[in-house]
Amino acid sequence: MAVAVGSVRSRRLSAANTKFAIDLYQYKLRTSPTDQNVFMSPLSISVALAMTYLGAGGQTKSQMSDVLYFADVEEAELHLAFADIQSALNQPRSYKLYMANRLFAEKSYTFLEEFLAAGRQHYGAELSPVDFR
């Protein structure tokens, strides 16, 4: 059973995602022409990067954690919190929200089953092999 979105882990992740969203919008506004509107989904970007973070290690993982503010959430709770938030967003309402989660990878590369299982468990994301050549 999923923990409610009001849980401590979900609130911490929500706060971390808000910091990331503000950074992202500030960057986009600094680098875009002033006569253009800006629309993006920081949550979708954060979810996609969190799936990548599942397989990161060393300096890459540390840098991702810093930029995405994942250090504000306990490591063991991070992906569970993402699952909680996605579950809450997909509850029946007067609207239907679709989030497309998928991992695309070079078909010649072999991934650890632990990584693939975590992607399925927390993000409902399957791996799609692609020929990038």
N, C-alpha and C. Protein backbone atom coordinates (compact mmCIF):
# COMPACT_ATOMS: atom_id res chain seq x y z
N MET A 1 0.84 -1.18 0.00
CA MET A 1 0.00 0.00 0.00
C MET A 1 0.89 1.24 0.00
N ALA A 2 0.59 2.17 -0.88
CA ALA A 2 1.41 3.38 -0.99
C ALA A 2 1.13 4.33 0.16
N VAL A 3 2.15 5.06 0.54
CA VAL A 3 2.02 6.07 1.57
C VAL A 3 1.36 7.30 0.96
N ALA A 4 0.53 7.97 1.70
CA ALA A 4 -0.17 9.15 1.20
C ALA A 4 0.81 10.24 0.79
N VAL A 5 0.38 11.07 -0.15
CA VAL A 5 1.23 12.14 -0.65
C VAL A 5 1.59 13.12 0.46
N GLY A 6 0.77 13.20 1.50
CA GLY A 6 1.07 14.07 2.63
C GLY A 6 2.14 13.52 3.54
N SER A 7 2.73 12.39 3.19
CA SER A 7 3.76 11.79 4.03
C SER A 7 5.01 12.65 4.05
N VAL A 8 5.84 12.43 5.04
CA VAL A 8 7.08 13.20 5.17
C VAL A 8 7.93 13.04 3.92
N ARG A 9 8.06 11.81 3.43
CA ARG A 9 8.92 11.61 2.25
C ARG A 9 8.36 12.33 1.03
N SER A 10 7.06 12.34 0.86
CA SER A 10 6.47 13.03 -0.28
C SER A 10 6.60 14.54 -0.15
N ARG A 11 6.45 15.05 1.07
CA ARG A 11 6.61 16.49 1.27
C ARG A 11 8.05 16.91 1.01
N ARG A 12 9.00 16.10 1.46
CA ARG A 12 10.42 16.43 1.21
C ARG A 12 10.72 16.41 -0.29
N LEU A 13 10.21 15.41 -0.98
CA LEU A 13 10.44 15.34 -2.42
C LEU A 13 9.76 16.51 -3.13
N SER A 14 8.56 16.85 -2.71
CA SER A 14 7.85 17.98 -3.30
C SER A 14 8.65 19.27 -3.12
N ALA A 15 9.21 19.47 -1.95
CA ALA A 15 10.04 20.66 -1.69
C ALA A 15 11.29 20.64 -2.57
N ALA A 16 11.92 19.47 -2.70
CA ALA A 16 13.12 19.34 -3.54
C ALA A 16 12.77 19.61 -5.00
N ASN A 17 11.64 19.06 -5.47
CA ASN A 17 11.22 19.29 -6.86
C ASN A 17 10.89 20.75 -7.10
N THR A 18 10.35 21.43 -6.10
CA THR A 18 10.05 22.86 -6.24
C THR A 18 11.34 23.66 -6.42
N LYS A 19 12.37 23.35 -5.64
CA LYS A 19 13.66 24.03 -5.80
C LYS A 19 14.23 23.79 -7.20
N PHE A 20 14.16 22.54 -7.66
CA PHE A 20 14.64 22.21 -9.00
C PHE A 20 13.84 22.97 -10.06
N ALA A 21 12.51 23.02 -9.91
CA ALA A 21 11.65 23.73 -10.87
C ALA A 21 12.00 25.21 -10.94
N ILE A 22 12.22 25.82 -9.80
CA ILE A 22 12.59 27.25 -9.78
C ILE A 22 13.91 27.46 -10.50
N ASP A 23 14.90 26.61 -10.21
CA ASP A 23 16.19 26.70 -10.91
C ASP A 23 16.01 26.55 -12.41
N LEU A 24 15.20 25.58 -12.80
CA LEU A 24 14.98 25.30 -14.22
C LEU A 24 14.31 26.49 -14.92
N TYR A 25 13.26 27.02 -14.32
CA TYR A 25 12.58 28.18 -14.91
C TYR A 25 13.49 29.41 -14.94
N GLN A 26 14.25 29.63 -13.88
CA GLN A 26 15.17 30.78 -13.88
C GLN A 26 16.20 30.65 -15.00
N TYR A 27 16.74 29.46 -15.19
CA TYR A 27 17.70 29.24 -16.26
C TYR A 27 17.03 29.49 -17.62
N LYS A 28 15.85 28.92 -17.81
CA LYS A 28 15.16 29.06 -19.09
C LYS A 28 14.83 30.52 -19.37
N LEU A 29 14.39 31.23 -18.36
CA LEU A 29 14.05 32.65 -18.55
C LEU A 29 15.29 33.50 -18.85
N ARG A 30 16.45 33.13 -18.27
CA ARG A 30 17.69 33.86 -18.54
C ARG A 30 18.19 33.62 -19.95
N THR A 31 17.91 32.44 -20.49
CA THR A 31 18.50 32.06 -21.78
C THR A 31 17.53 32.13 -22.95
N SER A 32 16.26 32.50 -22.70
CA SER A 32 15.26 32.57 -23.76
C SER A 32 15.01 34.02 -24.16
N PRO A 33 14.60 34.23 -25.39
CA PRO A 33 14.18 35.58 -25.78
C PRO A 33 13.01 36.03 -24.89
N THR A 34 12.98 37.29 -24.55
CA THR A 34 11.98 37.80 -23.61
C THR A 34 10.58 37.85 -24.20
N ASP A 35 10.43 37.71 -25.51
CA ASP A 35 9.10 37.78 -26.12
C ASP A 35 8.48 36.39 -26.32
N GLN A 36 9.06 35.36 -25.72
CA GLN A 36 8.53 34.00 -25.86
C GLN A 36 7.96 33.51 -24.54
N ASN A 37 6.87 32.76 -24.64
CA ASN A 37 6.31 32.10 -23.47
C ASN A 37 7.12 30.85 -23.16
N VAL A 38 7.13 30.45 -21.90
CA VAL A 38 7.85 29.25 -21.49
C VAL A 38 6.86 28.30 -20.84
N PHE A 39 6.83 27.07 -21.33
CA PHE A 39 5.99 26.05 -20.72
C PHE A 39 6.78 24.74 -20.70
N MET A 40 6.87 24.15 -19.54
CA MET A 40 7.53 22.85 -19.40
C MET A 40 6.99 22.20 -18.13
N SER A 41 7.25 20.93 -17.99
CA SER A 41 6.81 20.20 -16.81
C SER A 41 8.04 19.79 -16.00
N PRO A 42 8.39 20.56 -14.99
CA PRO A 42 9.53 20.18 -14.16
C PRO A 42 9.36 18.80 -13.51
N LEU A 43 8.11 18.42 -13.18
CA LEU A 43 7.90 17.10 -12.59
C LEU A 43 8.28 16.01 -13.59
N SER A 44 7.85 16.15 -14.84
CA SER A 44 8.20 15.15 -15.85
C SER A 44 9.71 15.05 -16.04
N ILE A 45 10.37 16.19 -16.04
CA ILE A 45 11.83 16.20 -16.19
C ILE A 45 12.48 15.55 -14.97
N SER A 46 11.99 15.88 -13.79
CA SER A 46 12.52 15.30 -12.56
C SER A 46 12.32 13.79 -12.52
N VAL A 47 11.14 13.32 -12.94
CA VAL A 47 10.87 11.88 -12.97
C VAL A 47 11.82 11.19 -13.94
N ALA A 48 11.99 11.76 -15.12
CA ALA A 48 12.89 11.16 -16.11
C ALA A 48 14.32 11.08 -15.58
N LEU A 49 14.77 12.15 -14.93
CA LEU A 49 16.13 12.15 -14.38
C LEU A 49 16.24 11.23 -13.16
N ALA A 50 15.16 11.08 -12.40
CA ALA A 50 15.18 10.16 -11.26
C ALA A 50 15.32 8.72 -11.73
N MET A 51 14.69 8.39 -12.87
CA MET A 51 14.85 7.04 -13.42
C MET A 51 16.31 6.81 -13.82
N THR A 52 16.93 7.83 -14.39
CA THR A 52 18.35 7.74 -14.75
C THR A 52 19.20 7.63 -13.49
N TYR A 53 18.82 8.38 -12.47
CA TYR A 53 19.53 8.39 -11.18
C TYR A 53 19.58 7.00 -10.55
N LEU A 54 18.56 6.17 -10.82
CA LEU A 54 18.55 4.79 -10.32
C LEU A 54 19.83 4.04 -10.68
N GLY A 55 20.37 4.33 -11.86
CA GLY A 55 21.56 3.63 -12.32
C GLY A 55 22.85 4.41 -12.19
N ALA A 56 22.76 5.61 -11.63
CA ALA A 56 23.96 6.45 -11.52
C ALA A 56 24.82 6.02 -10.33
N GLY A 57 26.08 6.37 -10.40
CA GLY A 57 26.99 6.08 -9.30
C GLY A 57 28.11 7.12 -9.26
N GLY A 58 28.83 7.12 -8.17
CA GLY A 58 30.00 7.97 -8.03
C GLY A 58 29.72 9.45 -8.19
N GLN A 59 30.59 10.14 -8.94
CA GLN A 59 30.50 11.58 -9.12
C GLN A 59 29.22 11.97 -9.87
N THR A 60 28.81 11.15 -10.84
CA THR A 60 27.58 11.45 -11.58
C THR A 60 26.39 11.47 -10.64
N LYS A 61 26.29 10.47 -9.78
CA LYS A 61 25.18 10.41 -8.82
C LYS A 61 25.22 11.60 -7.87
N SER A 62 26.38 11.96 -7.41
CA SER A 62 26.54 13.10 -6.50
C SER A 62 26.11 14.40 -7.17
N GLN A 63 26.53 14.60 -8.41
CA GLN A 63 26.18 15.82 -9.13
C GLN A 63 24.69 15.88 -9.44
N MET A 64 24.11 14.75 -9.81
CA MET A 64 22.67 14.72 -10.06
C MET A 64 21.91 15.02 -8.78
N SER A 65 22.35 14.47 -7.68
CA SER A 65 21.71 14.69 -6.39
C SER A 65 21.73 16.17 -6.03
N ASP A 66 22.85 16.83 -6.28
CA ASP A 66 22.98 18.26 -5.99
C ASP A 66 22.03 19.09 -6.86
N VAL A 67 22.04 18.87 -8.15
CA VAL A 67 21.24 19.68 -9.08
C VAL A 67 19.75 19.45 -8.87
N LEU A 68 19.36 18.20 -8.60
CA LEU A 68 17.94 17.86 -8.45
C LEU A 68 17.46 17.97 -7.01
N TYR A 69 18.35 18.33 -6.09
CA TYR A 69 18.04 18.47 -4.66
C TYR A 69 17.59 17.15 -4.04
N PHE A 70 18.04 16.04 -4.60
CA PHE A 70 17.69 14.74 -4.04
C PHE A 70 18.31 14.52 -2.67
N ALA A 71 19.37 15.25 -2.35
CA ALA A 71 20.00 15.13 -1.03
C ALA A 71 19.04 15.57 0.07
N ASP A 72 17.99 16.32 -0.29
CA ASP A 72 16.99 16.76 0.69
C ASP A 72 16.05 15.64 1.10
N VAL A 73 16.11 14.52 0.39
CA VAL A 73 15.24 13.37 0.64
C VAL A 73 16.14 12.19 1.00
N GLU A 74 15.75 11.41 1.99
CA GLU A 74 16.56 10.24 2.35
C GLU A 74 16.67 9.31 1.15
N GLU A 75 17.87 8.83 0.89
CA GLU A 75 18.13 7.99 -0.28
C GLU A 75 17.17 6.81 -0.38
N ALA A 76 16.92 6.14 0.74
CA ALA A 76 16.04 4.97 0.73
C ALA A 76 14.58 5.34 0.44
N GLU A 77 14.23 6.59 0.62
CA GLU A 77 12.85 7.05 0.45
C GLU A 77 12.59 7.72 -0.90
N LEU A 78 13.64 8.08 -1.60
CA LEU A 78 13.51 8.91 -2.80
C LEU A 78 12.57 8.32 -3.84
N HIS A 79 12.85 7.12 -4.30
CA HIS A 79 12.07 6.53 -5.38
C HIS A 79 10.68 6.11 -4.90
N LEU A 80 10.56 5.76 -3.61
CA LEU A 80 9.24 5.48 -3.04
C LEU A 80 8.39 6.74 -3.05
N ALA A 81 9.00 7.88 -2.76
CA ALA A 81 8.28 9.16 -2.77
C ALA A 81 7.81 9.49 -4.18
N PHE A 82 8.65 9.26 -5.19
CA PHE A 82 8.23 9.49 -6.57
C PHE A 82 7.04 8.59 -6.92
N ALA A 83 7.09 7.33 -6.49
CA ALA A 83 5.98 6.41 -6.75
C ALA A 83 4.71 6.90 -6.05
N ASP A 84 4.83 7.39 -4.82
CA ASP A 84 3.67 7.92 -4.10
C ASP A 84 3.03 9.08 -4.85
N ILE A 85 3.86 10.01 -5.30
CA ILE A 85 3.35 11.20 -5.99
C ILE A 85 2.67 10.81 -7.31
N GLN A 86 3.31 9.93 -8.06
CA GLN A 86 2.71 9.49 -9.32
C GLN A 86 1.39 8.75 -9.09
N SER A 87 1.34 7.94 -8.05
CA SER A 87 0.12 7.23 -7.71
C SER A 87 -1.00 8.20 -7.36
N ALA A 88 -0.68 9.22 -6.57
CA ALA A 88 -1.68 10.22 -6.19
C ALA A 88 -2.17 10.99 -7.41
N LEU A 89 -1.28 11.30 -8.34
CA LEU A 89 -1.68 12.03 -9.54
C LEU A 89 -2.58 11.19 -10.44
N ASN A 90 -2.45 9.88 -10.35
CA ASN A 90 -3.23 8.99 -11.21
C ASN A 90 -4.52 8.50 -10.56
N GLN A 91 -4.87 9.04 -9.38
CA GLN A 91 -6.14 8.68 -8.74
C GLN A 91 -7.29 9.19 -9.60
N PRO A 92 -8.41 8.45 -9.61
CA PRO A 92 -9.57 8.90 -10.40
C PRO A 92 -10.03 10.30 -9.97
N ARG A 93 -10.18 11.15 -10.95
CA ARG A 93 -10.64 12.53 -10.76
C ARG A 93 -11.51 12.91 -11.94
N SER A 94 -11.87 14.14 -12.01
CA SER A 94 -12.66 14.60 -13.16
C SER A 94 -11.78 14.79 -14.40
N TYR A 95 -10.49 14.59 -14.25
CA TYR A 95 -9.56 14.67 -15.37
C TYR A 95 -8.68 13.43 -15.34
N LYS A 96 -8.00 13.15 -16.42
CA LYS A 96 -7.08 12.03 -16.49
C LYS A 96 -5.71 12.57 -16.86
N LEU A 97 -4.72 12.30 -16.03
CA LEU A 97 -3.35 12.73 -16.29
C LEU A 97 -2.55 11.53 -16.76
N TYR A 98 -1.90 11.67 -17.87
CA TYR A 98 -1.06 10.60 -18.39
C TYR A 98 0.40 11.02 -18.30
N MET A 99 1.20 10.19 -17.67
CA MET A 99 2.65 10.40 -17.65
C MET A 99 3.27 9.21 -18.35
N ALA A 100 4.03 9.49 -19.37
CA ALA A 100 4.67 8.43 -20.14
C ALA A 100 6.08 8.21 -19.59
N ASN A 101 6.29 7.08 -18.97
CA ASN A 101 7.60 6.75 -18.43
C ASN A 101 8.16 5.56 -19.19
N ARG A 102 9.31 5.74 -19.78
CA ARG A 102 9.95 4.67 -20.51
C ARG A 102 11.45 4.95 -20.53
N LEU A 103 12.22 3.90 -20.46
CA LEU A 103 13.67 3.99 -20.56
C LEU A 103 14.06 3.54 -21.96
N PHE A 104 14.82 4.36 -22.66
CA PHE A 104 15.31 4.01 -23.99
C PHE A 104 16.82 3.78 -23.87
N ALA A 105 17.27 2.67 -24.42
CA ALA A 105 18.69 2.33 -24.28
C ALA A 105 19.19 1.64 -25.55
N GLU A 106 20.46 1.83 -25.79
CA GLU A 106 21.12 1.17 -26.91
C GLU A 106 20.89 -0.34 -26.79
N LYS A 107 20.39 -0.95 -27.85
CA LYS A 107 20.00 -2.35 -27.81
C LYS A 107 21.17 -3.31 -27.56
N SER A 108 22.39 -2.87 -27.84
CA SER A 108 23.55 -3.74 -27.64
C SER A 108 24.07 -3.71 -26.20
N TYR A 109 23.50 -2.82 -25.36
CA TYR A 109 23.97 -2.67 -23.98
C TYR A 109 23.11 -3.52 -23.05
N THR A 110 23.75 -4.19 -22.10
CA THR A 110 23.04 -5.02 -21.13
C THR A 110 22.91 -4.27 -19.82
N PHE A 111 21.71 -4.22 -19.27
CA PHE A 111 21.44 -3.52 -18.02
C PHE A 111 21.27 -4.52 -16.89
N LEU A 112 21.63 -4.10 -15.69
CA LEU A 112 21.43 -4.94 -14.52
C LEU A 112 19.94 -5.11 -14.26
N GLU A 113 19.54 -6.32 -13.94
CA GLU A 113 18.13 -6.60 -13.66
C GLU A 113 17.64 -5.78 -12.48
N GLU A 114 18.50 -5.52 -11.51
CA GLU A 114 18.12 -4.70 -10.34
C GLU A 114 17.67 -3.30 -10.78
N PHE A 115 18.38 -2.71 -11.72
CA PHE A 115 18.03 -1.39 -12.26
C PHE A 115 16.70 -1.45 -12.99
N LEU A 116 16.52 -2.46 -13.84
CA LEU A 116 15.28 -2.60 -14.61
C LEU A 116 14.09 -2.83 -13.69
N ALA A 117 14.27 -3.67 -12.67
CA ALA A 117 13.19 -3.96 -11.72
C ALA A 117 12.80 -2.72 -10.93
N ALA A 118 13.78 -1.92 -10.53
CA ALA A 118 13.49 -0.68 -9.79
C ALA A 118 12.74 0.30 -10.67
N GLY A 119 13.08 0.38 -11.93
CA GLY A 119 12.36 1.26 -12.86
C GLY A 119 10.91 0.84 -13.01
N ARG A 120 10.68 -0.47 -13.10
CA ARG A 120 9.31 -0.97 -13.19
C ARG A 120 8.55 -0.72 -11.89
N GLN A 121 9.19 -1.00 -10.75
CA GLN A 121 8.53 -0.90 -9.46
C GLN A 121 8.14 0.54 -9.11
N HIS A 122 9.06 1.46 -9.23
CA HIS A 122 8.83 2.83 -8.77
C HIS A 122 8.23 3.76 -9.83
N TYR A 123 8.49 3.46 -11.11
CA TYR A 123 8.09 4.39 -12.16
C TYR A 123 7.18 3.75 -13.22
N GLY A 124 6.96 2.45 -13.11
CA GLY A 124 6.16 1.77 -14.13
C GLY A 124 6.82 1.85 -15.49
N ALA A 125 8.14 1.92 -15.50
CA ALA A 125 8.90 2.15 -16.74
C ALA A 125 9.58 0.86 -17.21
N GLU A 126 9.28 0.51 -18.42
CA GLU A 126 9.95 -0.62 -19.06
C GLU A 126 11.10 -0.10 -19.91
N LEU A 127 12.02 -0.99 -20.24
CA LEU A 127 13.15 -0.64 -21.08
C LEU A 127 12.80 -0.94 -22.53
N SER A 128 13.03 0.03 -23.40
CA SER A 128 12.84 -0.16 -24.84
C SER A 128 14.20 -0.12 -25.51
N PRO A 129 14.64 -1.24 -26.06
CA PRO A 129 15.93 -1.24 -26.76
C PRO A 129 15.82 -0.47 -28.08
N VAL A 130 16.81 0.35 -28.37
CA VAL A 130 16.81 1.20 -29.56
C VAL A 130 18.19 1.08 -30.22
N ASP A 131 18.20 1.10 -31.54
CA ASP A 131 19.46 1.12 -32.28
C ASP A 131 19.86 2.57 -32.49
N PHE A 132 20.79 3.08 -31.66
CA PHE A 132 21.21 4.47 -31.73
C PHE A 132 22.26 4.72 -32.82
N ARG A 133 22.72 3.66 -33.46
CA ARG A 133 23.75 3.85 -34.49
C ARG A 133 23.18 4.32 -35.77
